[in-house]
């Protein structure tokens, strides 16, 4: 996963953060914390979950996590009094709140399947590990409607297909007519409804380097 924010770039594949053209030195735990918060954005992650992720099954002082946050803020140029990147959620945990300004998507990871969304006459290729759906004009699937959150949902593509997750939206994400409360695995021809948009998820097995052609979506 690659994410560009302001004057720095995060790249999980090569485990590097570059700011103003120079690689930033981060401890392994600090890098893992940043990666976790980025992957869960914009949701807040509890301190308990962070502790289990960084120090599984081990008791550590709460100061260890606070020190990692201080390390990240210093490295990324974030002000603890007016944070733009790492937001403290009182009595809960932390959230990644910065806006991406560059590509957030890595190349497709699946060599077996091709994933697409059919939305009316449009056909949108989901050819990256993460595809955001929302009112933000930079989203992979842009829905310009007030009932849709800026970062409403995302579809993550992996080697076996795709999973959809609601990103804490106000009006919810619906799959097969039901509002999802946790990440849901998508099947071919599943109907996804977000605000006024009704989309059909298509999953094709690749033959060589070419995916199967699509037909008209089935009614739901």
Protein backbone atom coordinates (compact mmCIF):
# COMPACT_ATOMS: atom_id res chain seq x y z
CA UNK A 1 0.00 0.00 0.00
CA UNK A 2 1.24 3.46 -0.91
CA UNK A 3 -0.18 6.69 0.52
CA UNK A 4 0.90 10.26 -0.22
CA UNK A 5 0.02 12.89 2.39
CA UNK A 6 1.17 16.52 2.29
CA UNK A 7 4.97 16.39 2.05
CA UNK A 8 5.49 12.71 2.88
CA UNK A 9 4.81 9.29 1.38
CA UNK A 10 4.12 6.01 3.17
CA UNK A 11 4.92 2.73 1.37
CA UNK A 12 4.20 -0.52 3.20
CA UNK A 13 5.66 -2.74 0.48
CA UNK A 14 9.18 -1.41 0.96
CA UNK A 15 8.53 -0.38 4.59
CA UNK A 16 9.58 3.19 4.06
CA UNK A 17 8.32 6.68 4.85
CA UNK A 18 9.82 9.51 2.79
CA UNK A 19 9.42 13.17 3.74
CA UNK A 20 10.57 15.97 1.46
CA UNK A 21 12.58 13.49 -0.57
CA UNK A 22 14.39 11.96 2.39
CA UNK A 23 13.72 8.62 4.09
CA UNK A 24 12.49 9.00 7.68
CA UNK A 25 14.02 6.78 10.35
CA UNK A 26 11.21 5.11 12.31
CA UNK A 27 11.39 2.34 14.86
CA UNK A 28 9.69 -0.91 13.75
CA UNK A 29 6.89 -0.44 16.28
CA UNK A 30 6.25 3.14 15.17
CA UNK A 31 6.07 2.03 11.53
CA UNK A 32 3.64 -0.77 12.44
CA UNK A 33 1.46 1.67 14.39
CA UNK A 34 1.34 4.09 11.46
CA UNK A 35 0.48 1.26 9.07
CA UNK A 36 -2.34 0.05 11.33
CA UNK A 37 -3.88 3.52 11.65
CA UNK A 38 -3.61 4.13 7.89
CA UNK A 39 -5.27 0.82 7.04
CA UNK A 40 -8.13 1.51 9.48
CA UNK A 41 -8.63 5.15 8.52
CA UNK A 42 -10.79 7.11 9.13
CA UNK A 43 -11.94 4.91 11.99
CA UNK A 44 -10.40 5.31 15.42
CA UNK A 45 -8.48 2.34 16.79
CA UNK A 46 -8.71 1.57 20.49
CA UNK A 47 -5.62 1.48 22.68
CA UNK A 48 -6.46 -2.12 23.58
CA UNK A 49 -6.45 -3.16 19.92
CA UNK A 50 -3.24 -1.27 19.25
CA UNK A 51 -1.55 -2.95 22.21
CA UNK A 52 -2.65 -6.39 21.01
CA UNK A 53 -1.40 -5.60 17.51
CA UNK A 54 2.01 -4.30 18.60
CA UNK A 55 2.64 -6.36 21.73
CA UNK A 56 0.43 -9.48 21.43
CA UNK A 57 -0.05 -11.28 24.72
CA UNK A 58 2.47 -9.03 26.50
CA UNK A 59 1.91 -6.46 29.22
CA UNK A 60 3.60 -3.13 28.52
CA UNK A 61 3.33 0.26 30.13
CA UNK A 62 0.78 2.67 28.55
CA UNK A 63 3.73 5.04 28.16
CA UNK A 64 5.14 2.79 25.39
CA UNK A 65 2.25 3.62 23.08
CA UNK A 66 2.34 7.31 23.99
CA UNK A 67 6.05 7.37 23.15
CA UNK A 68 5.40 5.83 19.72
CA UNK A 69 2.81 8.51 18.98
CA UNK A 70 5.32 11.19 19.99
CA UNK A 71 7.90 9.58 17.69
CA UNK A 72 5.48 9.53 14.74
CA UNK A 73 4.32 13.11 15.26
CA UNK A 74 7.90 14.36 15.41
CA UNK A 75 8.85 12.43 12.26
CA UNK A 76 5.78 13.52 10.27
CA UNK A 77 5.69 17.13 11.45
CA UNK A 78 2.39 16.76 13.30
CA UNK A 79 1.53 19.15 16.15
CA UNK A 80 0.07 17.40 19.19
CA UNK A 81 -1.87 20.56 20.11
CA UNK A 82 -3.41 20.89 16.63
CA UNK A 83 -2.97 17.43 15.05
CA UNK A 84 -3.56 17.08 11.32
CA UNK A 85 -2.33 13.50 10.96
CA UNK A 86 -2.71 11.52 14.19
CA UNK A 87 -5.87 12.39 16.09
CA UNK A 88 -6.14 11.49 19.76
CA UNK A 89 -9.57 10.15 20.71
CA UNK A 90 -9.92 10.85 24.45
CA UNK A 91 -10.27 7.77 26.65
CA UNK A 92 -10.25 5.53 23.58
CA UNK A 93 -7.31 5.57 21.20
CA UNK A 94 -6.03 7.15 17.99
CA UNK A 95 -7.11 7.75 14.40
CA UNK A 96 -5.35 8.67 11.17
CA UNK A 97 -7.05 11.88 10.00
CA UNK A 98 -4.84 13.29 7.24
CA UNK A 99 -6.15 13.73 3.70
CA UNK A 100 -4.35 11.86 0.95
CA UNK A 101 -3.04 14.09 -1.85
CA UNK A 102 -1.53 11.42 -4.07
CA UNK A 103 -2.23 7.89 -5.17
CA UNK A 104 -3.43 5.69 -2.32
CA UNK A 105 -3.67 2.59 -4.42
CA UNK A 106 -1.14 -0.09 -5.09
CA UNK A 107 -1.15 -2.24 -8.24
CA UNK A 108 -3.56 -5.13 -8.38
CA UNK A 109 -2.60 -8.00 -6.14
CA UNK A 110 -4.85 -10.65 -7.62
CA UNK A 111 -3.50 -12.66 -10.54
CA UNK A 112 -6.56 -14.91 -10.48
CA UNK A 113 -9.57 -12.58 -10.45
CA UNK A 114 -10.64 -9.25 -11.93
CA UNK A 115 -13.17 -7.19 -9.94
CA UNK A 116 -15.48 -4.49 -11.26
CA UNK A 117 -18.49 -2.42 -10.25
CA UNK A 118 -21.30 -1.94 -12.75
CA UNK A 119 -23.19 1.27 -12.03
CA UNK A 120 -25.77 2.05 -14.69
CA UNK A 121 -23.85 2.44 -17.95
CA UNK A 122 -20.55 2.76 -16.10
CA UNK A 123 -18.13 -0.08 -15.44
CA UNK A 124 -15.43 0.65 -12.86
CA UNK A 125 -12.35 -1.56 -12.59
CA UNK A 126 -11.24 -2.33 -9.03
CA UNK A 127 -7.62 -2.92 -9.83
CA UNK A 128 -5.98 -1.95 -6.55
CA UNK A 129 -5.80 -3.24 -3.00
CA UNK A 130 -8.13 -0.52 -1.71
CA UNK A 131 -10.93 1.30 -3.54
CA UNK A 132 -12.73 4.09 -1.68
CA UNK A 133 -16.38 4.86 -2.44
CA UNK A 134 -17.70 8.25 -1.38
CA UNK A 135 -18.48 11.91 -1.97
CA UNK A 136 -14.79 12.87 -2.10
CA UNK A 137 -13.96 13.71 -5.71
CA UNK A 138 -10.73 11.75 -5.32
CA UNK A 139 -12.54 8.50 -4.51
CA UNK A 140 -12.27 5.60 -6.94
CA UNK A 141 -16.08 5.57 -7.04
CA UNK A 142 -17.30 9.15 -6.71
CA UNK A 143 -20.96 9.58 -5.67
CA UNK A 144 -21.82 13.27 -5.63
CA UNK A 145 -24.79 13.18 -3.26
CA UNK A 146 -25.32 14.75 0.17
CA UNK A 147 -26.51 11.45 1.66
CA UNK A 148 -23.11 9.89 0.96
CA UNK A 149 -20.15 10.42 3.29
CA UNK A 150 -16.87 11.73 1.88
CA UNK A 151 -15.20 8.38 2.62
CA UNK A 152 -18.26 6.17 2.82
CA UNK A 153 -17.00 2.65 2.17
CA UNK A 154 -14.08 0.81 0.66
CA UNK A 155 -13.57 -2.38 -1.28
CA UNK A 156 -10.32 -4.24 -0.67
CA UNK A 157 -9.17 -6.58 -3.43
CA UNK A 158 -7.05 -9.59 -2.58
CA UNK A 159 -5.90 -12.81 -4.23
CA UNK A 160 -9.28 -14.49 -3.78
CA UNK A 161 -11.70 -11.67 -4.57
CA UNK A 162 -12.89 -8.65 -2.60
CA UNK A 163 -14.25 -7.45 0.75
CA UNK A 164 -16.38 -4.35 1.36
CA UNK A 165 -16.27 -2.32 4.58
CA UNK A 166 -18.34 0.65 5.71
CA UNK A 167 -16.12 3.50 6.95
CA UNK A 168 -18.38 4.76 9.70
CA UNK A 169 -20.81 6.43 7.32
CA UNK A 170 -23.97 8.11 8.61
CA UNK A 171 -26.42 6.40 6.28
CA UNK A 172 -24.81 3.02 5.92
CA UNK A 173 -23.67 0.61 3.22
CA UNK A 174 -26.05 -2.09 2.00
CA UNK A 175 -25.09 -5.41 0.43
CA UNK A 176 -27.78 -7.80 -0.79
CA UNK A 177 -30.38 -5.53 0.81
CA UNK A 178 -28.86 -5.59 4.31
CA UNK A 179 -26.85 -2.92 6.09
CA UNK A 180 -23.37 -4.23 6.87
CA UNK A 181 -21.92 -3.73 10.35
CA UNK A 182 -18.54 -5.34 9.66
CA UNK A 183 -16.39 -6.17 6.61
CA UNK A 184 -18.33 -8.43 4.24
CA UNK A 185 -17.04 -10.75 1.56
CA UNK A 186 -18.44 -9.97 -1.89
CA UNK A 187 -19.76 -12.56 -4.35
CA UNK A 188 -20.30 -12.14 -8.07
CA UNK A 189 -23.47 -10.12 -8.87
CA UNK A 190 -23.91 -8.85 -5.30
CA UNK A 191 -25.89 -5.60 -5.27
CA UNK A 192 -24.29 -2.74 -3.31
CA UNK A 193 -26.40 0.30 -2.38
CA UNK A 194 -24.82 3.52 -1.12
CA UNK A 195 -27.05 6.58 -1.04
CA UNK A 196 -28.83 6.78 -4.39
CA UNK A 197 -26.27 4.57 -6.13
CA UNK A 198 -27.11 0.95 -6.85
CA UNK A 199 -24.07 -0.94 -8.06
CA UNK A 200 -23.49 -4.55 -9.04
CA UNK A 201 -20.22 -6.22 -8.09
CA UNK A 202 -18.72 -8.46 -10.77
CA UNK A 203 -15.99 -11.02 -10.22
CA UNK A 204 -14.27 -12.65 -13.19
CA UNK A 205 -11.71 -15.38 -13.33
CA UNK A 206 -8.83 -14.26 -15.49
CA UNK A 207 -7.72 -16.24 -18.51
CA UNK A 208 -4.12 -15.33 -19.16
CA UNK A 209 -4.05 -11.56 -18.81
CA UNK A 210 -7.60 -10.91 -20.03
CA UNK A 211 -10.69 -10.93 -17.83
CA UNK A 212 -14.01 -12.29 -19.02
CA UNK A 213 -16.39 -9.77 -20.58
CA UNK A 214 -19.38 -8.50 -18.65
CA UNK A 215 -23.01 -8.71 -19.47
CA UNK A 216 -25.89 -6.68 -18.11
CA UNK A 217 -26.27 -6.86 -14.33
CA UNK A 218 -29.04 -9.07 -13.03
CA UNK A 219 -31.93 -7.31 -11.29
CA UNK A 220 -32.05 -7.56 -7.50
